[in-house]
């Protein structure tokens, strides 16, 4: 799978370890991050990964910053991004199966490396369920395009 991995300076160490793990498993990973020891404002990698995922350059984006909150807020400003702040295996599974998240955001400061790797594994193996969840994603798309979600016709 093609994965875009972005981080700021607080997430770089975790992102590097995550990249190595994913590449060992056969995934193609592009890292968008500062050199270790160099400061980086989280909106920059969030925007780069978000726009690339929406363009179709990757099937999944993973963003890592101190808390994951800033990356999530910034990435979700990109039209077409569904970035989920994920903090355990359950939220990882639901972010994909119910929300079809195309980007997950992780906290380098609050999660250990092992749980971050487990979260990514869960997202990679979880399919989107569709059905009633697709109807809800259609309403999110309506919001992005300036429509009212209540007026969005059901497609499922």
Foldseek 3Di string as FASTA:
>chain_A
DEEEEEEFQQCVVLRVVLVVVCVVVPYHYDYHYDDHPDGDDLLVRLVVRLVCVQVVVGQAYEYEYAAQVVSCVSNVVRQPADEEEDDAQVSLQCCCQQVVGRYYTYHSNPDDSVRVNNSVVSNVPHHHNDDPSVLVNQLVNCVSVPHHSVPRDGPD
